[in-house]
Amino acid sequence: MKKIKYCCKNLKFGTKPVYKAMKSKFPELKHKKKSCLGNCKMCGKEYFVQIGDSKVVCEPSAEKLYKRLRELIG
């Protein structure tokens, strides 16, 4: 995993703490904020990020998303 993309609209929904925590905990990874990642159907319902160019990781809460990302990184 080299790059994590965050949707700016989803950041407003609640993933901003995940973005800040991941950026400080894993500065060696690229953390990109994009205006829209094109996952509009899940954007208002779940917390998600895009890993690499295509893999989407989503969870029902910001805490669970953070935990899952940490598990994926290892």
Protein backbone atom coordinates (compact mmCIF):
# COMPACT_ATOMS: atom_id res chain seq x y z
CA MET A 1 0.00 0.00 0.00
CA LYS A 2 1.62 3.21 -1.11
CA LYS A 3 -1.23 5.69 -1.48
CA ILE A 4 -4.52 6.38 0.28
CA LYS A 5 -7.08 8.69 -1.30
CA TYR A 6 -9.73 10.45 0.76
CA CYS A 7 -12.92 11.97 -0.65
CA CYS A 8 -13.34 15.58 0.54
CA LYS A 9 -17.11 15.11 0.78
CA ASN A 10 -16.61 12.01 2.92
CA LEU A 11 -14.12 13.93 5.08
CA LYS A 12 -16.98 16.29 5.94
CA PHE A 13 -19.15 13.24 6.67
CA GLY A 14 -16.68 12.04 9.31
CA THR A 15 -13.44 10.60 7.96
CA LYS A 16 -11.40 13.70 8.78
CA PRO A 17 -10.12 12.21 12.09
CA VAL A 18 -9.05 9.09 10.16
CA TYR A 19 -7.18 11.24 7.65
CA LYS A 20 -5.36 13.18 10.38
CA ALA A 21 -4.51 10.06 12.41
CA MET A 22 -3.28 8.08 9.41
CA LYS A 23 -1.21 10.99 8.12
CA SER A 24 0.55 11.42 11.46
CA LYS A 25 0.95 7.68 12.16
CA PHE A 26 2.10 6.72 8.64
CA PRO A 27 3.91 9.71 7.10
CA GLU A 28 5.75 7.42 4.67
CA LEU A 29 2.47 6.77 2.80
CA LYS A 30 0.98 9.26 0.36
CA HIS A 31 -2.28 10.70 1.66
CA LYS A 32 -4.26 12.48 -1.05
CA LYS A 33 -7.49 14.42 -0.66
CA LYS A 34 -9.65 14.41 -3.80
CA SER A 35 -12.77 16.48 -4.35
CA CYS A 36 -14.73 13.35 -5.32
CA LEU A 37 -13.78 9.69 -5.68
CA GLY A 38 -16.97 8.75 -7.53
CA ASN A 39 -18.48 6.60 -4.78
CA CYS A 40 -21.44 8.88 -4.24
CA LYS A 41 -23.88 6.10 -3.32
CA MET A 42 -21.80 5.10 -0.29
CA CYS A 43 -20.44 8.55 0.56
CA GLY A 44 -23.32 9.67 2.76
CA LYS A 45 -23.85 6.24 4.32
CA GLU A 46 -20.40 4.86 5.13
CA TYR A 47 -16.87 5.92 5.84
CA PHE A 48 -14.45 4.98 3.08
CA VAL A 49 -11.06 5.51 1.48
CA GLN A 50 -9.52 4.35 -1.76
CA ILE A 51 -6.27 2.43 -1.61
CA GLY A 52 -4.06 2.60 -4.66
CA ASP A 53 -5.97 3.22 -7.84
CA SER A 54 -9.03 1.05 -7.35
CA LYS A 55 -9.50 -0.78 -4.01
CA VAL A 56 -12.16 0.82 -1.81
CA VAL A 57 -12.24 0.10 1.92
CA CYS A 58 -15.43 1.06 3.75
CA GLU A 59 -16.73 0.66 7.29
CA PRO A 60 -19.82 1.81 9.20
CA SER A 61 -17.80 4.08 11.56
CA ALA A 62 -14.65 6.17 11.42
CA GLU A 63 -13.11 4.16 14.28
CA LYS A 64 -13.63 0.89 12.43
CA LEU A 65 -12.21 2.35 9.23
CA TYR A 66 -9.08 3.48 11.07
CA LYS A 67 -8.71 0.07 12.70
CA ARG A 68 -9.13 -1.73 9.36
CA LEU A 69 -6.57 0.49 7.63
CA ARG A 70 -4.06 -0.21 10.38
CA GLU A 71 -4.66 -3.95 9.94
CA LEU A 72 -4.11 -3.66 6.18
CA ILE A 73 -0.87 -1.77 6.65
CA GLY A 74 0.39 -4.30 9.16
